[in-house]
């Protein structure tokens, strides 16, 4: 894992600091997912939704993506994994303007759902996607 990664132990969340603006980081995420041939299932703009509700929130968006070819064997082997699939990456900006990329650790998901080791590579690519967008 990258030196700037901070895994929140006990929660399974990995956080990376981005060297890019919020907008650039999210664009890099979308591009990185698309370039790998993955399907984007949804984009959730939490801060945009908050603004429409009359609330203020620092920029926060989530991209939900994956591959049915990779995810389906996982859900067949361990159906509860469907709670955490498709994969998700959250891009957020804090009060000081620092942009972070957060996602569930594949090892955490393996432990949480008892994923067979031979299927872990089906979701492990999320780490390289996240690392590629922050540098």
C-alpha atoms as a PDB file:
ATOM      1  CA  UNK A   1       0.000   0.000   0.000  1.00  0.00           C
ATOM      2  CA  UNK A   2       1.140   3.554  -0.699  1.00  0.00           C
ATOM      3  CA  UNK A   3       2.939   5.417   2.103  1.00  0.00           C
ATOM      4  CA  UNK A   4       0.150   8.028   2.232  1.00  0.00           C
ATOM      5  CA  UNK A   5      -2.485   5.353   2.829  1.00  0.00           C
ATOM      6  CA  UNK A   6      -4.198   5.418   6.165  1.00  0.00           C
ATOM      7  CA  UNK A   7      -6.182   2.328   6.971  1.00  0.00           C
ATOM      8  CA  UNK A   8      -8.681   2.926   9.712  1.00  0.00           C
ATOM      9  CA  UNK A   9      -8.072  -0.308  11.552  1.00  0.00           C
ATOM     10  CA  UNK A  10     -11.105  -2.182  12.754  1.00  0.00           C
ATOM     11  CA  UNK A  11     -13.313  -0.497  10.163  1.00  0.00           C
ATOM     12  CA  UNK A  12     -11.718  -1.758   6.952  1.00  0.00           C
ATOM     13  CA  UNK A  13     -11.625   1.675   5.319  1.00  0.00           C
ATOM     14  CA  UNK A  14      -8.509   2.684   3.398  1.00  0.00           C
ATOM     15  CA  UNK A  15      -7.926   6.391   2.839  1.00  0.00           C
ATOM     16  CA  UNK A  16      -5.426   7.941   0.439  1.00  0.00           C
ATOM     17  CA  UNK A  17      -4.560  11.625   0.184  1.00  0.00           C
ATOM     18  CA  UNK A  18      -4.861  13.005  -3.326  1.00  0.00           C
ATOM     19  CA  UNK A  19      -2.350  15.335  -4.924  1.00  0.00           C
ATOM     20  CA  UNK A  20      -5.145  16.771  -7.087  1.00  0.00           C
ATOM     21  CA  UNK A  21      -8.188  18.991  -6.653  1.00  0.00           C
ATOM     22  CA  UNK A  22     -11.526  17.417  -5.807  1.00  0.00           C
ATOM     23  CA  UNK A  23     -12.835  17.755  -9.382  1.00  0.00           C
ATOM     24  CA  UNK A  24      -9.624  16.445 -10.946  1.00  0.00           C
ATOM     25  CA  UNK A  25      -9.518  13.504  -8.536  1.00  0.00           C
ATOM     26  CA  UNK A  26     -13.095  12.504  -9.364  1.00  0.00           C
ATOM     27  CA  UNK A  27     -12.441  12.872 -13.114  1.00  0.00           C
ATOM     28  CA  UNK A  28      -9.306  10.733 -12.767  1.00  0.00           C
ATOM     29  CA  UNK A  29     -11.384   8.124 -10.923  1.00  0.00           C
ATOM     30  CA  UNK A  30     -14.015   8.013 -13.666  1.00  0.00           C
ATOM     31  CA  UNK A  31     -11.313   7.809 -16.327  1.00  0.00           C
ATOM     32  CA  UNK A  32      -9.402   5.094 -14.448  1.00  0.00           C
ATOM     33  CA  UNK A  33     -12.519   2.971 -14.046  1.00  0.00           C
ATOM     34  CA  UNK A  34     -13.545   3.415 -17.700  1.00  0.00           C
ATOM     35  CA  UNK A  35     -10.056   2.703 -19.032  1.00  0.00           C
ATOM     36  CA  UNK A  36     -10.122  -0.664 -17.251  1.00  0.00           C
ATOM     37  CA  UNK A  37     -13.361  -1.610 -18.975  1.00  0.00           C
ATOM     38  CA  UNK A  38     -15.381  -1.555 -15.752  1.00  0.00           C
ATOM     39  CA  UNK A  39     -19.046  -0.598 -15.618  1.00  0.00           C
ATOM     40  CA  UNK A  40     -20.066   2.558 -13.770  1.00  0.00           C
ATOM     41  CA  UNK A  41     -23.334   1.706 -12.030  1.00  0.00           C
ATOM     42  CA  UNK A  42     -23.890   5.020 -10.237  1.00  0.00           C
ATOM     43  CA  UNK A  43     -22.473   8.372  -9.284  1.00  0.00           C
ATOM     44  CA  UNK A  44     -23.711   9.814  -6.013  1.00  0.00           C
ATOM     45  CA  UNK A  45     -23.134  13.503  -5.356  1.00  0.00           C
ATOM     46  CA  UNK A  46     -23.700  13.755  -1.611  1.00  0.00           C
ATOM     47  CA  UNK A  47     -22.727  17.422  -1.392  1.00  0.00           C
ATOM     48  CA  UNK A  48     -24.922  18.300  -4.383  1.00  0.00           C
ATOM     49  CA  UNK A  49     -27.855  16.512  -2.759  1.00  0.00           C
ATOM     50  CA  UNK A  50     -27.156  18.347   0.499  1.00  0.00           C
ATOM     51  CA  UNK A  51     -27.133  21.690  -1.317  1.00  0.00           C
ATOM     52  CA  UNK A  52     -30.484  20.922  -2.959  1.00  0.00           C
ATOM     53  CA  UNK A  53     -31.841  20.230   0.544  1.00  0.00           C
ATOM     54  CA  UNK A  54     -30.585  23.623   1.748  1.00  0.00           C
ATOM     55  CA  UNK A  55     -27.575  22.197   3.618  1.00  0.00           C
ATOM     56  CA  UNK A  56     -23.860  22.836   3.237  1.00  0.00           C
ATOM     57  CA  UNK A  57     -21.366  20.012   2.862  1.00  0.00           C
ATOM     58  CA  UNK A  58     -17.803  19.946   1.567  1.00  0.00           C
ATOM     59  CA  UNK A  59     -17.497  18.279  -1.859  1.00  0.00           C
ATOM     60  CA  UNK A  60     -18.244  14.557  -1.492  1.00  0.00           C
ATOM     61  CA  UNK A  61     -19.027  12.086  -4.286  1.00  0.00           C
ATOM     62  CA  UNK A  62     -19.060   8.324  -4.637  1.00  0.00           C
ATOM     63  CA  UNK A  63     -18.508   6.246  -7.749  1.00  0.00           C
ATOM     64  CA  UNK A  64     -20.061   2.770  -7.737  1.00  0.00           C
ATOM     65  CA  UNK A  65     -18.526   0.461 -10.307  1.00  0.00           C
ATOM     66  CA  UNK A  66     -17.525  -3.073 -11.094  1.00  0.00           C
ATOM     67  CA  UNK A  67     -17.685  -5.995 -13.454  1.00  0.00           C
ATOM     68  CA  UNK A  68     -20.482  -8.552 -13.408  1.00  0.00           C
ATOM     69  CA  UNK A  69     -17.974 -11.074 -14.760  1.00  0.00           C
ATOM     70  CA  UNK A  70     -15.747 -10.550 -11.701  1.00  0.00           C
ATOM     71  CA  UNK A  71     -18.422  -9.846  -9.091  1.00  0.00           C
ATOM     72  CA  UNK A  72     -20.870 -12.628  -9.852  1.00  0.00           C
ATOM     73  CA  UNK A  73     -18.508 -15.509  -8.928  1.00  0.00           C
ATOM     74  CA  UNK A  74     -17.833 -13.715  -5.637  1.00  0.00           C
ATOM     75  CA  UNK A  75     -21.531 -13.389  -4.837  1.00  0.00           C
ATOM     76  CA  UNK A  76     -22.132 -17.022  -5.793  1.00  0.00           C
ATOM     77  CA  UNK A  77     -19.358 -18.114  -3.413  1.00  0.00           C
ATOM     78  CA  UNK A  78     -20.438 -15.798  -0.601  1.00  0.00           C
ATOM     79  CA  UNK A  79     -23.876 -14.207  -1.158  1.00  0.00           C
ATOM     80  CA  UNK A  80     -23.545 -11.683   1.693  1.00  0.00           C
ATOM     81  CA  UNK A  81     -20.825  -9.919  -0.288  1.00  0.00           C
ATOM     82  CA  UNK A  82     -23.642  -8.400  -2.342  1.00  0.00           C
ATOM     83  CA  UNK A  83     -24.074  -5.970   0.568  1.00  0.00           C
ATOM     84  CA  UNK A  84     -20.663  -4.486  -0.306  1.00  0.00           C
ATOM     85  CA  UNK A  85     -20.719  -4.906  -4.090  1.00  0.00           C
ATOM     86  CA  UNK A  86     -20.471  -3.245  -6.522  1.00  0.00           C
ATOM     87  CA  UNK A  87     -17.197  -1.667  -5.488  1.00  0.00           C
ATOM     88  CA  UNK A  88     -17.262   1.932  -4.284  1.00  0.00           C
ATOM     89  CA  UNK A  89     -14.738   4.734  -4.050  1.00  0.00           C
ATOM     90  CA  UNK A  90     -15.578   7.904  -2.140  1.00  0.00           C
ATOM     91  CA  UNK A  91     -13.857  11.186  -3.007  1.00  0.00           C
ATOM     92  CA  UNK A  92     -14.166  13.880  -0.357  1.00  0.00           C
ATOM     93  CA  UNK A  93     -12.660  17.222   0.574  1.00  0.00           C
ATOM     94  CA  UNK A  94     -12.155  18.252   4.190  1.00  0.00           C
ATOM     95  CA  UNK A  95     -12.420  21.680   5.824  1.00  0.00           C
ATOM     96  CA  UNK A  96      -8.775  22.439   4.976  1.00  0.00           C
ATOM     97  CA  UNK A  97      -9.228  21.589   1.287  1.00  0.00           C
ATOM     98  CA  UNK A  98      -7.442  18.230   1.505  1.00  0.00           C
ATOM     99  CA  UNK A  99      -8.883  15.679  -0.917  1.00  0.00           C
ATOM    100  CA  UNK A 100      -9.124  12.050   0.133  1.00  0.00           C
ATOM    101  CA  UNK A 101     -10.039   8.850  -1.643  1.00  0.00           C
ATOM    102  CA  UNK A 102     -11.649   6.157   0.533  1.00  0.00           C
ATOM    103  CA  UNK A 103     -12.654   2.558  -0.131  1.00  0.00           C
ATOM    104  CA  UNK A 104     -13.195  -0.783   1.594  1.00  0.00           C
ATOM    105  CA  UNK A 105     -10.034  -2.814   1.995  1.00  0.00           C
ATOM    106  CA  UNK A 106     -10.205  -6.054  -0.039  1.00  0.00           C
ATOM    107  CA  UNK A 107      -8.712  -7.885   2.961  1.00  0.00           C
ATOM    108  CA  UNK A 108     -11.473  -6.492   5.164  1.00  0.00           C
ATOM    109  CA  UNK A 109     -14.106  -7.660   2.698  1.00  0.00           C
ATOM    110  CA  UNK A 110     -12.410 -11.084   2.549  1.00  0.00           C
ATOM    111  CA  UNK A 111     -12.589 -11.407   6.316  1.00  0.00           C
ATOM    112  CA  UNK A 112     -16.070  -9.897   6.640  1.00  0.00           C
ATOM    113  CA  UNK A 113     -17.620 -12.224   4.063  1.00  0.00           C
ATOM    114  CA  UNK A 114     -15.226 -15.189   4.154  1.00  0.00           C
ATOM    115  CA  UNK A 115     -14.257 -14.754   0.500  1.00  0.00           C
ATOM    116  CA  UNK A 116     -12.265 -17.704  -0.858  1.00  0.00           C
ATOM    117  CA  UNK A 117      -8.636 -16.626  -1.381  1.00  0.00           C
ATOM    118  CA  UNK A 118      -8.647 -17.586  -5.048  1.00  0.00           C
ATOM    119  CA  UNK A 119     -11.446 -15.048  -5.690  1.00  0.00           C
ATOM    120  CA  UNK A 120      -9.830 -12.115  -3.870  1.00  0.00           C
ATOM    121  CA  UNK A 121      -8.090 -10.888  -7.063  1.00  0.00           C
ATOM    122  CA  UNK A 122     -11.586 -10.170  -8.458  1.00  0.00           C
ATOM    123  CA  UNK A 123     -11.841  -7.147  -6.131  1.00  0.00           C
ATOM    124  CA  UNK A 124      -8.181  -6.406  -5.330  1.00  0.00           C
ATOM    125  CA  UNK A 125      -7.864  -4.080  -8.337  1.00  0.00           C
ATOM    126  CA  UNK A 126      -9.619  -1.350  -6.384  1.00  0.00           C
ATOM    127  CA  UNK A 127      -6.302  -0.647  -4.633  1.00  0.00           C
ATOM    128  CA  UNK A 128      -4.413   0.054  -7.875  1.00  0.00           C
ATOM    129  CA  UNK A 129      -7.299   2.160  -9.188  1.00  0.00           C
ATOM    130  CA  UNK A 130      -7.277   4.320  -6.049  1.00  0.00           C
ATOM    131  CA  UNK A 131      -3.493   4.627  -6.012  1.00  0.00           C
ATOM    132  CA  UNK A 132      -3.379   5.639  -9.671  1.00  0.00           C
ATOM    133  CA  UNK A 133      -5.788   8.536  -9.236  1.00  0.00           C
ATOM    134  CA  UNK A 134      -4.161  10.203  -6.232  1.00  0.00           C
ATOM    135  CA  UNK A 135      -0.565  10.558  -7.473  1.00  0.00           C
END
